């Protein structure tokens, strides 16, 4: 609908939209620098399993600390460069042991 000029804007997952624009060749379209919302991702865990939750938290923090999360993000969302909000998220989630 954007390419047919039927709508002026489209809202969606920022990472997915950025990848679509980078890899799909949509000249003239850009992702806004302004964030209109911040959507988080989550993992479902069993209730009252603190040991497993700690393992998951430690593993995620290690992925962020070592930079391996960037490979996972690229595999999941494509190779669009990370914006400042994603870079800040990586820093905040790289918790020390």
C-alpha atoms as a PDB file:
ATOM      1  CA  UNK A   1       0.000   0.000   0.000  1.00  0.00           C
ATOM      2  CA  UNK A   2       2.942   2.331   0.623  1.00  0.00           C
ATOM      3  CA  UNK A   3       4.355   1.706  -2.834  1.00  0.00           C
ATOM      4  CA  UNK A   4       0.908   2.313  -4.351  1.00  0.00           C
ATOM      5  CA  UNK A   5       0.633   5.624  -2.412  1.00  0.00           C
ATOM      6  CA  UNK A   6      -2.517   4.415  -0.628  1.00  0.00           C
ATOM      7  CA  UNK A   7      -1.076   5.069   2.850  1.00  0.00           C
ATOM      8  CA  UNK A   8       1.490   7.558   4.136  1.00  0.00           C
ATOM      9  CA  UNK A   9       3.069   5.481   6.909  1.00  0.00           C
ATOM     10  CA  UNK A  10       3.256   1.938   8.200  1.00  0.00           C
ATOM     11  CA  UNK A  11       3.952   0.926  11.789  1.00  0.00           C
ATOM     12  CA  UNK A  12       5.522  -2.405  12.642  1.00  0.00           C
ATOM     13  CA  UNK A  13       8.466  -4.091  14.297  1.00  0.00           C
ATOM     14  CA  UNK A  14      11.393  -1.737  13.755  1.00  0.00           C
ATOM     15  CA  UNK A  15      13.999  -4.463  13.193  1.00  0.00           C
ATOM     16  CA  UNK A  16      11.878  -6.247  10.631  1.00  0.00           C
ATOM     17  CA  UNK A  17      10.989  -3.021   8.794  1.00  0.00           C
ATOM     18  CA  UNK A  18      14.632  -1.886   8.699  1.00  0.00           C
ATOM     19  CA  UNK A  19      15.668  -5.224   7.234  1.00  0.00           C
ATOM     20  CA  UNK A  20      12.868  -5.144   4.670  1.00  0.00           C
ATOM     21  CA  UNK A  21      13.990  -1.712   3.520  1.00  0.00           C
ATOM     22  CA  UNK A  22      17.659  -2.637   3.414  1.00  0.00           C
ATOM     23  CA  UNK A  23      17.312  -6.012   1.728  1.00  0.00           C
ATOM     24  CA  UNK A  24      14.160  -5.445  -0.280  1.00  0.00           C
ATOM     25  CA  UNK A  25      15.211  -2.409  -2.249  1.00  0.00           C
ATOM     26  CA  UNK A  26      12.454   0.068  -1.447  1.00  0.00           C
ATOM     27  CA  UNK A  27      13.935   3.374  -2.629  1.00  0.00           C
ATOM     28  CA  UNK A  28      12.478   6.468  -1.048  1.00  0.00           C
ATOM     29  CA  UNK A  29      11.307   4.735   2.117  1.00  0.00           C
ATOM     30  CA  UNK A  30      12.980   5.190   5.501  1.00  0.00           C
ATOM     31  CA  UNK A  31      12.488   4.088   9.077  1.00  0.00           C
ATOM     32  CA  UNK A  32      11.738   7.035  11.345  1.00  0.00           C
ATOM     33  CA  UNK A  33      14.420   8.028  13.831  1.00  0.00           C
ATOM     34  CA  UNK A  34      11.655   8.644  16.373  1.00  0.00           C
ATOM     35  CA  UNK A  35      10.438   5.719  18.455  1.00  0.00           C
ATOM     36  CA  UNK A  36       6.678   5.716  18.888  1.00  0.00           C
ATOM     37  CA  UNK A  37       6.688   2.699  21.189  1.00  0.00           C
ATOM     38  CA  UNK A  38       9.148   0.276  22.680  1.00  0.00           C
ATOM     39  CA  UNK A  39       8.141  -3.346  22.258  1.00  0.00           C
ATOM     40  CA  UNK A  40       9.956  -5.955  24.269  1.00  0.00           C
ATOM     41  CA  UNK A  41      10.535  -9.582  23.469  1.00  0.00           C
ATOM     42  CA  UNK A  42      10.191 -12.250  26.116  1.00  0.00           C
ATOM     43  CA  UNK A  43      10.840 -15.883  26.851  1.00  0.00           C
ATOM     44  CA  UNK A  44       8.224 -17.989  28.596  1.00  0.00           C
ATOM     45  CA  UNK A  45       9.569 -19.918  31.576  1.00  0.00           C
ATOM     46  CA  UNK A  46       7.976 -22.329  34.022  1.00  0.00           C
ATOM     47  CA  UNK A  47       6.651 -20.701  37.154  1.00  0.00           C
ATOM     48  CA  UNK A  48       8.689 -21.101  40.359  1.00  0.00           C
ATOM     49  CA  UNK A  49      11.810 -22.461  38.661  1.00  0.00           C
ATOM     50  CA  UNK A  50      14.362 -19.949  39.892  1.00  0.00           C
ATOM     51  CA  UNK A  51      17.323 -22.172  39.047  1.00  0.00           C
ATOM     52  CA  UNK A  52      16.361 -22.386  35.376  1.00  0.00           C
ATOM     53  CA  UNK A  53      15.514 -18.668  35.244  1.00  0.00           C
ATOM     54  CA  UNK A  54      18.955 -17.810  36.638  1.00  0.00           C
ATOM     55  CA  UNK A  55      20.589 -20.032  34.005  1.00  0.00           C
ATOM     56  CA  UNK A  56      18.617 -18.291  31.237  1.00  0.00           C
ATOM     57  CA  UNK A  57      19.431 -14.826  32.611  1.00  0.00           C
ATOM     58  CA  UNK A  58      23.142 -15.661  32.900  1.00  0.00           C
ATOM     59  CA  UNK A  59      23.237 -17.122  29.401  1.00  0.00           C
ATOM     60  CA  UNK A  60      21.506 -14.091  27.876  1.00  0.00           C
ATOM     61  CA  UNK A  61      23.815 -11.692  29.728  1.00  0.00           C
ATOM     62  CA  UNK A  62      26.842 -13.651  28.465  1.00  0.00           C
ATOM     63  CA  UNK A  63      25.542 -13.444  24.879  1.00  0.00           C
ATOM     64  CA  UNK A  64      25.222  -9.671  25.245  1.00  0.00           C
ATOM     65  CA  UNK A  65      28.624  -9.269  26.969  1.00  0.00           C
ATOM     66  CA  UNK A  66      30.531 -11.304  24.380  1.00  0.00           C
ATOM     67  CA  UNK A  67      28.798  -9.707  21.390  1.00  0.00           C
ATOM     68  CA  UNK A  68      27.394 -13.055  20.235  1.00  0.00           C
ATOM     69  CA  UNK A  69      23.911 -11.555  20.507  1.00  0.00           C
ATOM     70  CA  UNK A  70      24.681  -9.532  17.362  1.00  0.00           C
ATOM     71  CA  UNK A  71      24.919 -12.738  15.301  1.00  0.00           C
ATOM     72  CA  UNK A  72      21.572 -13.894  16.697  1.00  0.00           C
ATOM     73  CA  UNK A  73      19.974 -10.513  15.987  1.00  0.00           C
ATOM     74  CA  UNK A  74      21.267 -10.524  12.405  1.00  0.00           C
ATOM     75  CA  UNK A  75      20.008 -14.064  11.843  1.00  0.00           C
ATOM     76  CA  UNK A  76      16.598 -13.146  13.269  1.00  0.00           C
ATOM     77  CA  UNK A  77      16.094  -9.604  11.991  1.00  0.00           C
ATOM     78  CA  UNK A  78      18.495  -9.316   9.071  1.00  0.00           C
ATOM     79  CA  UNK A  79      21.656  -7.333   8.556  1.00  0.00           C
ATOM     80  CA  UNK A  80      20.278  -3.817   8.950  1.00  0.00           C
ATOM     81  CA  UNK A  81      22.694  -1.863  11.155  1.00  0.00           C
ATOM     82  CA  UNK A  82      21.680  -1.556  14.795  1.00  0.00           C
ATOM     83  CA  UNK A  83      20.318   1.860  15.710  1.00  0.00           C
ATOM     84  CA  UNK A  84      21.178   3.736  18.909  1.00  0.00           C
ATOM     85  CA  UNK A  85      18.298   2.188  20.895  1.00  0.00           C
ATOM     86  CA  UNK A  86      19.419  -1.369  20.060  1.00  0.00           C
ATOM     87  CA  UNK A  87      23.020  -0.489  20.919  1.00  0.00           C
ATOM     88  CA  UNK A  88      21.856   0.874  24.284  1.00  0.00           C
ATOM     89  CA  UNK A  89      19.801  -2.285  24.896  1.00  0.00           C
ATOM     90  CA  UNK A  90      22.890  -4.421  24.271  1.00  0.00           C
ATOM     91  CA  UNK A  91      24.896  -2.411  26.802  1.00  0.00           C
ATOM     92  CA  UNK A  92      22.099  -2.550  29.416  1.00  0.00           C
ATOM     93  CA  UNK A  93      21.648  -6.316  29.056  1.00  0.00           C
ATOM     94  CA  UNK A  94      25.365  -7.157  29.264  1.00  0.00           C
ATOM     95  CA  UNK A  95      25.103  -7.715  33.020  1.00  0.00           C
ATOM     96  CA  UNK A  96      28.277  -8.819  34.817  1.00  0.00           C
ATOM     97  CA  UNK A  97      28.435 -12.295  36.381  1.00  0.00           C
END
